[in-house]
Protein backbone atom coordinates (compact mmCIF):
# COMPACT_ATOMS: atom_id res chain seq x y z
CA UNK A 1 199.51 57.47 -28.34
CA UNK A 2 202.56 58.51 -26.05
CA UNK A 3 206.04 59.38 -28.03
CA UNK A 4 209.34 59.27 -27.06
CA UNK A 5 210.26 62.65 -25.30
CA UNK A 6 213.70 63.34 -25.75
CA UNK A 7 215.05 65.73 -23.48
CA UNK A 8 217.91 68.51 -25.45
CA UNK A 9 220.29 65.66 -26.19
CA UNK A 10 221.61 67.24 -29.46
CA UNK A 11 220.43 70.88 -29.14
CA UNK A 12 221.20 71.17 -25.01
CA UNK A 13 217.74 72.09 -24.50
CA UNK A 14 216.04 71.79 -21.48
CA UNK A 15 212.82 70.25 -23.58
CA UNK A 16 210.81 69.64 -20.42
CA UNK A 17 211.38 74.10 -18.94
CA UNK A 18 210.32 74.81 -22.68
CA UNK A 19 207.24 73.22 -23.67
CA UNK A 20 206.07 73.94 -19.98
CA UNK A 21 206.45 77.68 -20.77
CA UNK A 22 204.88 77.49 -23.69
CA UNK A 23 201.98 75.68 -21.98
CA UNK A 24 201.61 78.57 -19.04
CA UNK A 25 199.87 80.49 -22.63
CA UNK A 26 197.80 77.79 -22.99
CA UNK A 27 196.43 76.92 -19.98
CA UNK A 28 195.55 80.77 -19.05
CA UNK A 29 192.01 78.92 -20.66
CA UNK A 30 191.44 76.48 -17.83
CA UNK A 31 192.60 79.11 -15.37
CA UNK A 32 189.87 81.46 -16.63
CA UNK A 33 187.38 78.57 -16.63
CA UNK A 34 188.10 77.84 -13.37
CA UNK A 35 187.88 80.98 -12.44
CA UNK A 36 184.22 81.47 -13.91
CA UNK A 37 183.32 78.59 -12.26
CA UNK A 38 184.37 79.75 -8.84
CA UNK A 39 182.17 82.96 -9.22
CA UNK A 40 178.81 81.18 -10.02
CA UNK A 41 179.75 78.84 -7.38
CA UNK A 42 180.18 82.03 -5.07
CA UNK A 43 177.08 83.69 -6.93
CA UNK A 44 174.72 80.39 -6.19
CA UNK A 45 175.30 80.35 -2.27
CA UNK A 46 174.96 84.02 -1.65
CA UNK A 47 170.99 83.17 -3.33
CA UNK A 48 171.57 80.70 -1.04
CA UNK A 49 172.12 82.83 2.12
CA UNK A 50 168.40 85.17 0.53
CA UNK A 51 166.65 82.27 -0.03
CA UNK A 52 167.35 80.97 3.85
CA UNK A 53 166.54 84.52 4.76
CA UNK A 54 163.60 84.09 3.50
CA UNK A 55 162.59 81.33 4.35
CA UNK A 56 163.13 81.69 8.03
CA UNK A 57 160.84 85.02 7.95
CA UNK A 58 158.04 83.11 6.25
CA UNK A 59 158.15 80.27 8.51
CA UNK A 60 158.52 82.67 11.79
CA UNK A 61 155.43 85.10 10.54
CA UNK A 62 153.58 82.22 8.29
CA UNK A 63 153.17 79.26 9.18
CA UNK A 64 150.42 77.64 10.65
CA UNK A 65 151.63 76.07 13.05
CA UNK A 66 153.00 79.08 14.83
CA UNK A 67 150.05 80.43 16.21
CA UNK A 68 151.30 83.39 17.72
CA UNK A 69 153.23 84.48 15.65
CA UNK A 70 151.19 83.43 12.26
CA UNK A 71 150.38 86.79 10.94
CA UNK A 72 147.81 85.11 9.18
CA UNK A 73 145.83 84.09 12.20
CA UNK A 74 143.28 85.84 14.63
CA UNK A 75 145.67 83.81 17.32
CA UNK A 76 148.68 86.37 16.89
CA UNK A 77 146.70 89.54 15.51
CA UNK A 78 143.62 89.64 18.33
CA UNK A 79 145.52 87.83 21.98
CA UNK A 80 143.91 88.24 24.91
CA UNK A 81 145.08 87.88 28.67
CA UNK A 82 142.99 86.70 31.63
CA UNK A 83 143.21 87.32 35.41
CA UNK A 84 142.55 84.88 38.18
CA UNK A 85 142.09 86.79 41.44
CA UNK A 86 142.49 83.27 43.09
CA UNK A 87 145.13 81.33 40.92
CA UNK A 88 145.82 78.64 43.12
CA UNK A 89 142.17 77.71 42.38
CA UNK A 90 141.58 78.42 39.36
CA UNK A 91 143.96 79.60 36.45
CA UNK A 92 142.81 81.39 33.27
CA UNK A 93 144.10 81.84 30.05
CA UNK A 94 141.87 83.87 27.32
CA UNK A 95 141.84 82.63 23.16
CA UNK A 96 141.04 85.30 20.49
CA UNK A 97 137.65 84.57 20.74
CA UNK A 98 137.50 85.46 24.17
CA UNK A 99 135.43 88.86 24.98
CA UNK A 100 136.73 92.25 27.29
CA UNK A 101 135.35 92.33 30.65
CA UNK A 102 135.49 90.88 34.01
CA UNK A 103 132.97 87.99 35.30
CA UNK A 104 132.28 86.33 38.90
CA UNK A 105 133.35 82.42 39.11
CA UNK A 106 133.14 80.17 41.69
CA UNK A 107 134.01 76.23 42.00
CA UNK A 108 130.98 73.64 43.31
CA UNK A 109 132.88 70.59 42.55
CA UNK A 110 135.94 69.78 41.42
CA UNK A 111 135.81 66.96 38.37
CA UNK A 112 137.19 63.14 39.79
CA UNK A 113 137.68 59.71 37.86
CA UNK A 114 135.99 57.12 39.08
CA UNK A 115 138.12 54.82 41.67
CA UNK A 116 138.36 52.10 43.76
CA UNK A 117 141.11 50.73 46.35
CA UNK A 118 141.97 48.40 49.06
CA UNK A 119 144.76 48.76 51.31
CA UNK A 120 146.39 45.74 53.48
CA UNK A 121 145.20 43.26 50.41
CA UNK A 122 147.26 40.41 51.84
CA UNK A 123 145.50 40.41 55.38
CA UNK A 124 148.68 40.46 56.89
CA UNK A 125 150.88 43.27 57.59
CA UNK A 126 154.15 41.67 57.22
CA UNK A 127 153.65 40.75 54.07
CA UNK A 128 153.42 41.72 50.49
CA UNK A 129 152.55 40.60 46.82
CA UNK A 130 155.31 39.65 44.73
CA UNK A 131 153.85 41.38 41.12
CA UNK A 132 156.34 38.56 39.09
CA UNK A 133 154.55 35.80 40.52
CA UNK A 134 152.20 33.76 38.75
CA UNK A 135 148.54 34.45 39.13
CA UNK A 136 148.32 31.02 40.67
CA UNK A 137 150.84 31.93 43.25
CA UNK A 138 148.79 34.92 43.89
CA UNK A 139 145.71 33.81 44.22
CA UNK A 140 147.11 31.44 47.03
CA UNK A 141 147.66 34.62 49.03
CA UNK A 142 144.81 36.18 48.75
CA UNK A 143 141.72 35.50 50.93
CA UNK A 144 138.95 35.05 48.17
CA UNK A 145 141.69 33.75 45.46
CA UNK A 146 140.72 33.54 41.50
CA UNK A 147 138.65 31.37 40.07
CA UNK A 148 139.77 29.54 36.78
CA UNK A 149 137.66 27.88 34.13
CA UNK A 150 139.53 25.85 31.96
CA UNK A 151 142.75 26.78 33.06
CA UNK A 152 142.17 30.72 31.95
CA UNK A 153 141.13 33.76 33.79
CA UNK A 154 137.93 35.88 31.57
CA UNK A 155 137.34 39.48 32.47
CA UNK A 156 135.49 41.93 30.96
CA UNK A 157 136.48 46.12 31.94
CA UNK A 158 134.22 48.85 30.46
CA UNK A 159 133.32 46.37 27.35
CA UNK A 160 137.13 45.07 27.05
CA UNK A 161 137.34 41.58 27.09
CA UNK A 162 140.29 39.90 28.58
CA UNK A 163 141.57 36.52 28.96
CA UNK A 164 144.54 35.61 31.77
CA UNK A 165 146.07 32.32 32.62
CA UNK A 166 147.39 30.47 35.51
CA UNK A 167 150.64 31.20 34.63
CA UNK A 168 150.17 34.83 33.90
CA UNK A 169 152.01 37.50 36.29
CA UNK A 170 150.30 39.67 37.85
CA UNK A 171 152.43 42.47 37.23
CA UNK A 172 151.43 41.48 33.17
CA UNK A 173 148.54 41.66 33.64
CA UNK A 174 148.38 45.04 34.94
CA UNK A 175 150.10 46.01 32.16
CA UNK A 176 147.97 44.47 29.66
CA UNK A 177 145.01 45.81 31.31
CA UNK A 178 146.78 49.54 31.58
CA UNK A 179 148.07 49.34 27.70
CA UNK A 180 143.61 48.60 26.49
CA UNK A 181 141.16 50.62 25.45
CA UNK A 182 139.54 49.78 28.99
CA UNK A 183 141.08 53.31 30.10
CA UNK A 184 141.76 52.36 32.91
CA UNK A 185 144.85 52.23 35.39
CA UNK A 186 145.32 49.18 37.86
CA UNK A 187 148.65 49.27 39.75
CA UNK A 188 150.01 48.14 43.28
CA UNK A 189 152.03 49.56 45.81
CA UNK A 190 154.19 47.73 48.09
CA UNK A 191 154.84 50.38 50.18
CA UNK A 192 151.35 50.38 51.54
CA UNK A 193 150.17 46.64 50.60
CA UNK A 194 146.94 48.77 48.55
CA UNK A 195 145.68 47.91 45.25
CA UNK A 196 144.13 51.12 42.88
CA UNK A 197 142.16 50.70 40.18
CA UNK A 198 140.97 54.78 38.77
CA UNK A 199 139.80 55.59 35.55
CA UNK A 200 141.92 57.34 32.82
CA UNK A 201 139.81 60.00 32.47
CA UNK A 202 137.36 62.29 35.00
CA UNK A 203 133.63 62.72 34.57
CA UNK A 204 130.39 61.09 35.56
CA UNK A 205 131.66 58.05 34.64
CA UNK A 206 132.05 54.38 36.49
CA UNK A 207 134.56 51.55 35.42
CA UNK A 208 131.94 48.60 34.66
CA UNK A 209 132.86 44.56 34.99
CA UNK A 210 131.85 41.21 34.58
CA UNK A 211 134.71 40.37 37.20
CA UNK A 212 135.18 37.18 35.56
CA UNK A 213 136.83 34.60 38.26
CA UNK A 214 136.41 37.09 40.80
CA UNK A 215 139.50 39.01 40.02
CA UNK A 216 138.72 42.21 41.46
CA UNK A 217 136.70 40.65 44.46
CA UNK A 218 139.62 38.59 45.23
CA UNK A 219 141.43 41.77 45.40
CA UNK A 220 139.47 43.47 47.79
CA UNK A 221 138.18 46.08 45.54
CA UNK A 222 134.55 47.42 45.95
CA UNK A 223 131.80 46.18 43.47
CA UNK A 224 128.37 47.50 42.98
CA UNK A 225 126.15 44.94 41.33
CA UNK A 226 124.56 47.51 38.62
CA UNK A 227 122.46 45.06 36.73
CA UNK A 228 122.77 40.79 36.65
CA UNK A 229 126.29 39.83 36.37
CA UNK A 230 127.43 43.44 35.34
CA UNK A 231 129.31 46.03 38.42
CA UNK A 232 130.72 49.35 39.13
CA UNK A 233 134.07 49.10 40.56
CA UNK A 234 134.52 51.44 43.59
CA UNK A 235 133.03 54.89 43.27
CA UNK A 236 132.13 56.56 40.39
CA UNK A 237 133.45 59.80 38.79
CA UNK A 238 132.04 63.00 39.24
CA UNK A 239 132.06 65.80 37.09
CA UNK A 240 133.22 69.25 37.65
CA UNK A 241 130.57 71.37 38.51
CA UNK A 242 130.79 75.83 38.71
CA UNK A 243 128.81 79.09 37.91
CA UNK A 244 130.11 81.94 36.23
CA UNK A 245 127.95 85.16 37.06
CA UNK A 246 125.68 83.16 38.82
CA UNK A 247 124.70 80.30 36.30
CA UNK A 248 125.95 76.66 36.93
CA UNK A 249 127.44 74.44 33.97
CA UNK A 250 129.35 71.47 34.85
CA UNK A 251 132.53 69.84 32.39
CA UNK A 252 133.62 65.80 32.64
CA UNK A 253 137.22 67.89 32.60
CA UNK A 254 138.71 70.27 35.71
CA UNK A 255 140.15 72.11 32.36
CA UNK A 256 137.33 73.34 29.86
CA UNK A 257 136.84 76.63 27.84
CA UNK A 258 133.89 78.70 27.49
CA UNK A 259 133.64 81.72 25.56
CA UNK A 260 136.67 81.76 24.79
CA UNK A 261 138.41 81.53 28.11
CA UNK A 262 139.79 78.45 29.46
CA UNK A 263 139.29 77.55 33.30
CA UNK A 264 142.15 75.35 34.85
CA UNK A 265 141.01 73.76 38.23
CA UNK A 266 144.37 73.16 40.21
CA UNK A 267 143.12 71.32 43.36
CA UNK A 268 140.31 68.87 44.39
CA UNK A 269 136.83 70.89 45.42
CA UNK A 270 134.13 68.92 47.42
CA UNK A 271 132.46 72.77 48.84
CA UNK A 272 131.76 75.53 46.70
CA UNK A 273 134.23 78.33 46.70
CA UNK A 274 134.02 82.44 47.27
CA UNK A 275 133.67 83.84 44.12
CA UNK A 276 136.52 84.33 42.21
CA UNK A 277 137.44 87.58 40.07
CA UNK A 278 138.15 87.02 36.37
CA UNK A 279 139.29 89.55 34.08
CA UNK A 280 139.50 89.14 30.39
CA UNK A 281 141.42 92.12 27.87
CA UNK A 282 142.81 92.55 25.60
CA UNK A 283 147.06 91.35 25.23
CA UNK A 284 148.23 94.86 23.98
CA UNK A 285 151.91 94.24 24.68
CA UNK A 286 152.01 90.53 23.25
CA UNK A 287 150.24 91.54 19.62
CA UNK A 288 152.52 94.74 19.54
CA UNK A 289 155.71 92.52 20.05
CA UNK A 290 154.38 90.51 17.39
CA UNK A 291 153.88 93.14 14.72
CA UNK A 292 156.92 94.82 15.40
CA UNK A 293 159.01 91.61 15.95
CA UNK A 294 157.64 91.65 11.64
CA UNK A 295 158.28 94.85 10.95
CA UNK A 296 162.10 94.38 12.23
CA UNK A 297 162.86 91.58 10.47
CA UNK A 298 161.34 92.42 7.23
CA UNK A 299 163.71 95.59 7.48
CA UNK A 300 166.98 93.09 8.58
CA UNK A 301 165.81 91.22 5.71
CA UNK A 302 165.09 93.86 2.70
CA UNK A 303 168.57 95.61 4.05
CA UNK A 304 170.53 92.06 3.56
CA UNK A 305 169.09 91.86 0.09
CA UNK A 306 169.52 95.19 -0.96
CA UNK A 307 173.46 95.24 0.28
CA UNK A 308 173.98 92.61 -2.06
CA UNK A 309 172.17 94.71 -4.72
CA UNK A 310 174.03 97.95 -4.34
CA UNK A 311 177.75 95.95 -3.19
CA UNK A 312 180.48 97.69 -5.81
CA UNK A 313 181.58 95.11 -8.16
CA UNK A 314 185.47 94.75 -7.90
CA UNK A 315 186.74 93.18 -11.34
CA UNK A 316 190.23 93.62 -10.97
CA UNK A 317 189.92 90.76 -7.82
CA UNK A 318 188.94 87.68 -9.91
CA UNK A 319 189.01 84.85 -7.91
CA UNK A 320 192.88 83.48 -7.05
CA UNK A 321 194.39 80.47 -8.76
CA UNK A 322 196.18 77.57 -6.84
CA UNK A 323 199.49 78.63 -7.82
CA UNK A 324 198.79 82.16 -6.86
CA UNK A 325 197.13 81.54 -3.29
CA UNK A 326 200.21 79.39 -2.86
CA UNK A 327 202.09 83.09 -2.93
CA UNK A 328 200.24 85.04 -0.63
CA UNK A 329 199.52 84.45 3.29
CA UNK A 330 196.26 83.47 4.43
CA UNK A 331 195.20 86.88 5.73
CA UNK A 332 196.02 87.90 1.96
CA UNK A 333 194.09 85.47 0.68
CA UNK A 334 190.93 86.39 3.01
CA UNK A 335 191.47 89.87 1.79
CA UNK A 336 191.18 88.65 -1.73
CA UNK A 337 188.38 86.86 -1.99
CA UNK A 338 186.53 89.08 0.00
CA UNK A 339 187.41 91.60 -2.80
CA UNK A 340 186.52 89.10 -5.43
CA UNK A 341 183.18 87.83 -3.97
CA UNK A 342 181.90 91.52 -3.74
CA UNK A 343 179.24 92.60 -6.01
CA UNK A 344 178.33 89.60 -7.71
CA UNK A 345 174.55 89.82 -6.76
CA UNK A 346 174.21 94.10 -8.37
CA UNK A 347 171.30 95.02 -9.40
CA UNK A 348 170.16 91.14 -10.03
CA UNK A 349 167.01 91.25 -11.54
CA UNK A 350 164.48 88.43 -10.19
CA UNK A 351 166.36 89.99 -6.04
CA UNK A 352 164.71 93.49 -7.20
CA UNK A 353 161.37 91.58 -8.18
CA UNK A 354 161.39 89.98 -5.23
CA UNK A 355 161.71 93.28 -2.81
CA UNK A 356 159.34 95.31 -5.08
CA UNK A 357 156.53 92.69 -4.84
CA UNK A 358 156.92 92.86 -1.15
CA UNK A 359 156.74 96.27 -0.83
CA UNK A 360 153.63 96.79 -2.74
CA UNK A 361 152.42 94.73 -0.95
CA UNK A 362 152.84 96.01 1.53
CA UNK A 363 151.66 99.47 0.92
CA UNK A 364 148.57 98.19 -0.33
CA UNK A 365 144.82 98.96 1.32
CA UNK A 366 142.83 96.18 2.74
CA UNK A 367 139.58 97.98 1.62
CA UNK A 368 139.78 101.24 3.52
CA UNK A 369 142.55 100.17 5.57
CA UNK A 370 145.98 101.06 5.41
CA UNK A 371 149.05 100.12 7.40
CA UNK A 372 149.88 104.19 8.09
CA UNK A 373 146.47 104.25 9.86
CA UNK A 374 148.10 101.85 12.55
CA UNK A 375 150.93 103.56 12.95
CA UNK A 376 153.60 101.89 10.25
CA UNK A 377 154.81 103.97 7.01
CA UNK A 378 157.78 103.87 5.27
CA UNK A 379 160.79 105.77 6.01
CA UNK A 380 161.66 108.84 4.55
CA UNK A 381 165.12 108.45 4.03
CA UNK A 382 166.00 107.16 0.74
CA UNK A 383 168.86 105.52 2.39
CA UNK A 384 166.73 103.33 3.98
CA UNK A 385 165.03 101.89 0.85
CA UNK A 386 161.91 101.08 2.05
CA UNK A 387 162.19 99.63 5.35
CA UNK A 388 159.02 100.18 7.36
CA UNK A 389 159.22 102.60 10.22
CA UNK A 390 156.89 103.29 13.82
CA UNK A 391 155.31 106.67 14.25
CA UNK A 392 155.55 108.33 17.52
CA UNK A 393 158.14 105.20 18.56
CA UNK A 394 155.29 102.63 18.45
CA UNK A 395 152.23 104.79 20.32
CA UNK A 396 150.28 104.83 17.19
CA UNK A 397 150.38 101.32 16.61
CA UNK A 398 149.59 100.53 20.34
CA UNK A 399 146.47 102.33 20.31
CA UNK A 400 145.37 100.78 17.02
CA UNK A 401 146.02 97.52 18.86
CA UNK A 402 143.88 98.65 22.31
CA UNK A 403 140.97 100.27 20.24
CA UNK A 404 141.28 98.80 16.71
CA UNK A 405 141.72 95.44 17.22
CA UNK A 406 139.30 94.36 14.90
CA UNK A 407 140.77 96.37 12.05
CA UNK A 408 143.78 95.06 12.69
CA UNK A 409 142.31 91.69 12.06
CA UNK A 410 140.85 93.09 9.31
CA UNK A 411 144.13 94.58 8.01
CA UNK A 412 147.14 91.63 8.37
CA UNK A 413 144.53 88.25 9.02
CA UNK A 414 141.71 88.50 6.18
CA UNK A 415 141.87 85.20 4.57
CA UNK A 416 140.54 84.61 0.98
CA UNK A 417 138.74 81.00 0.26
CA UNK A 418 140.88 80.32 -2.96
CA UNK A 419 144.06 78.77 -2.33
CA UNK A 420 147.03 79.71 -3.11
CA UNK A 421 148.00 77.91 -6.37
CA UNK A 422 151.08 78.96 -8.64
CA UNK A 423 148.87 78.71 -11.46
CA UNK A 424 145.76 80.71 -10.46
CA UNK A 425 144.25 82.60 -13.84
CA UNK A 426 145.34 86.16 -13.93
CA UNK A 427 141.14 86.68 -13.03
CA UNK A 428 141.96 84.18 -9.71
CA UNK A 429 144.87 85.60 -8.32
CA UNK A 430 143.09 89.35 -8.59
CA UNK A 431 140.36 88.17 -6.67
CA UNK A 432 142.56 86.37 -4.12
CA UNK A 433 144.34 89.40 -3.58
CA UNK A 434 141.31 91.79 -3.46
CA UNK A 435 140.04 89.00 -0.85
CA UNK A 436 142.99 88.61 1.80
CA UNK A 437 145.00 90.77 4.44
CA UNK A 438 148.21 91.47 4.01
CA UNK A 439 149.60 88.26 5.97
CA UNK A 440 147.78 86.54 3.29
CA UNK A 441 149.40 88.90 0.07
CA UNK A 442 152.83 88.70 1.39
CA UNK A 443 152.83 84.88 1.60
CA UNK A 444 151.78 84.52 -1.17
CA UNK A 445 154.80 86.68 -2.64
CA UNK A 446 157.18 84.47 -0.33
CA UNK A 447 155.55 81.22 -1.87
CA UNK A 448 156.49 82.66 -5.07
CA UNK A 449 160.08 83.20 -4.26
CA UNK A 450 160.90 80.02 -2.37
CA UNK A 451 158.33 77.73 -2.92
CA UNK A 452 159.33 74.03 -3.20
CA UNK A 453 156.35 72.63 -4.83
CA UNK A 454 156.02 72.50 -9.10
CA UNK A 455 153.73 74.56 -11.27
CA UNK A 456 152.21 73.26 -14.02
CA UNK A 457 155.96 73.98 -16.45
CA UNK A 458 157.48 72.21 -13.51
CA UNK A 459 159.14 74.95 -12.33
CA UNK A 460 159.48 76.06 -8.43
CA UNK A 461 160.14 79.28 -6.72
CA UNK A 462 162.05 81.66 -8.25
CA UNK A 463 164.86 81.97 -6.28
CA UNK A 464 165.25 78.16 -5.65
CA UNK A 465 164.93 78.06 -10.08
CA UNK A 466 168.43 80.20 -9.62
CA UNK A 467 170.00 78.43 -6.91
CA UNK A 468 168.10 75.60 -5.47
CA UNK A 469 168.29 74.71 -1.53
CA UNK A 470 169.81 71.87 0.62
CA UNK A 471 167.19 69.31 1.51
CA UNK A 472 165.67 70.09 -1.63
CA UNK A 473 166.16 68.68 -5.33
CA UNK A 474 166.78 71.75 -6.71
CA UNK A 475 169.60 71.12 -4.80
CA UNK A 476 171.60 69.73 -7.52
CA UNK A 477 168.64 71.37 -10.60
CA UNK A 478 169.08 74.71 -10.46
CA UNK A 479 170.17 77.98 -13.22
CA UNK A 480 173.26 78.06 -11.45
CA UNK A 481 174.55 74.45 -11.50
CA UNK A 482 173.56 74.23 -15.18
CA UNK A 483 175.92 76.57 -15.63
CA UNK A 484 178.47 74.89 -13.79
CA UNK A 485 177.88 71.64 -15.98
CA UNK A 486 178.74 73.50 -18.54
CA UNK A 487 181.39 75.17 -17.58
CA UNK A 488 182.87 72.14 -16.32
CA UNK A 489 182.03 70.36 -19.86
CA UNK A 490 184.08 73.01 -21.52
CA UNK A 491 187.00 72.24 -19.15
CA UNK A 492 187.18 68.82 -20.04
CA UNK A 493 187.42 69.86 -23.50
CA UNK A 494 189.60 72.44 -23.21
CA UNK A 495 192.03 70.35 -21.03
CA UNK A 496 192.31 67.67 -24.19
CA UNK A 497 193.03 69.93 -26.06
CA UNK A 498 195.85 70.91 -23.95
CA UNK A 499 197.02 67.79 -23.84
CA UNK A 500 197.09 66.99 -27.43
CA UNK A 501 199.05 70.55 -27.71
CA UNK A 502 201.77 69.67 -25.14
CA UNK A 503 202.05 66.28 -26.96
CA UNK A 504 202.30 68.19 -30.15
CA UNK A 505 204.97 70.33 -28.73
CA UNK A 506 206.69 67.41 -27.88
CA UNK A 507 206.71 65.54 -31.40
CA UNK A 508 208.13 68.74 -32.46
CA UNK A 509 211.15 69.28 -30.03
CA UNK A 510 211.56 65.20 -30.67
CA UNK A 511 211.30 65.73 -34.73
CA UNK A 512 214.26 68.49 -34.34
CA UNK A 513 216.06 66.47 -31.90
CA UNK A 514 216.26 63.55 -34.39
CA UNK A 515 217.26 66.17 -37.19
CA UNK A 516 220.32 67.49 -35.44
CA UNK A 517 221.71 64.54 -34.90
CA UNK A 518 221.00 63.24 -38.06
CA UNK A 519 222.78 66.98 -39.37
CA UNK A 520 225.70 66.54 -37.16
CA UNK A 521 225.91 63.12 -38.24
CA UNK A 522 226.13 63.77 -41.89
CA UNK A 523 228.90 66.75 -40.66
CA UNK A 524 230.97 64.26 -38.56
CA UNK A 525 230.71 62.48 -41.91
CA UNK A 526 232.36 64.85 -43.85
CA UNK A 527 235.00 65.90 -41.90
CA UNK A 528 236.10 62.98 -41.32
CA UNK A 529 236.21 62.09 -45.80
CA UNK A 530 237.86 65.39 -45.47
CA UNK A 531 240.67 64.77 -42.77
CA UNK A 532 240.90 61.28 -44.48
CA UNK A 533 244.59 60.44 -46.62
CA UNK A 534 244.34 62.13 -50.32
CA UNK A 535 245.01 59.43 -53.79
CA UNK A 536 245.24 60.77 -56.55
């Protein structure tokens, strides 16, 4: 309950200022809690910055969606390149299963889609079809017209059945056919007054129709009877035919893959071409770039974390209070807070454990293979704190890529059949480790620290357990936020206590003022009695 605050009427004391001065000391307890909360908030932010850097490394080099840079994939470690001596006729691309060497390639004919076309559909060079007109109107412009049964036109195209009516526009008819599963594209050009129908894919197949209601024949497209009531529309498609080292092959498409090499025919060909030389080799530069990029980004990550672990802690620079900031310039505040945020993760055991696990993984052997055998080793400079370096400016690594590609794949890309699971037994983890290459082992370490899935104890990755990450439930459910909540709760308690303390001070001053007023009143009465007329 609030009391009436009497401010210095009898004593002449500025009660409000006096109480405020007394409360300054008491409010230092709140200031310390605010500073404690700010330190926890800064620590959480720094942890999340590290988590984001770890995620970047994982997403770039250990993500199955990134085939070109996923070190757990053979595609990134056994990149092959292919060249064609006539890229205007055929372009080539080599996959990881392609074998180094040269061979000859020639095209007999390219693949085509089944197709039918009729130019000058209306039979009048000055007239074109209006696609927005109804089938009934369009039919009147055509030589043969459409035959409607019970006001409907029923057509079968490649075993898909369509039912149209007199009031349907030709535009809507074409759209419905093209969007169906009939695998056909039909359209009309007003420029050439031509109707064209083509299969959606190449290959030795025809567009089959029953020509219900004379739909195609009315449009002037050629029909060849295949059997009673079933016709082939226009010309049948054809497969691509080619030779590789003199052996003939065919494919329904103009882009096809054989023995790890993808061939893409670039133009329509009707007769055999001269032999084209195809050269396949290891893409040394691409593999070298992927591995060295990993080394660089790994070094940047451990350097970033090590700097945080070694930062000097300046305990003489606690977080500033709002009152302190009011007396400082923006530049002074920035400099102070830079000092205040330094060393907040110094010697953090969780981060130290992560670095140690990553280093141990990269230093481990895969059977008889080790990073040092391909020219990657740990820096001998202790200031580098475990960074990786390339021997001979990378020449040793390049030679290993050129001459020992399969060993490179085994060292990095070998995979265990045991899937990653935080709840694997010790024996299962050991077996998975022994069956894995460096990439899978390293990714397991990253998963242990930044995975968003929970184990049987309900725990996520260690970094997320500590500080969480945006966009995940751990963003608000983590160790730091729990500690911040405790500080907030303590602040509420202290603020309530301070409010009671302040009220107590005012009560004491009020009592003092009332006592002084009574004392002064008694004094006045006594003086009046002493100064009154004497009677005796």
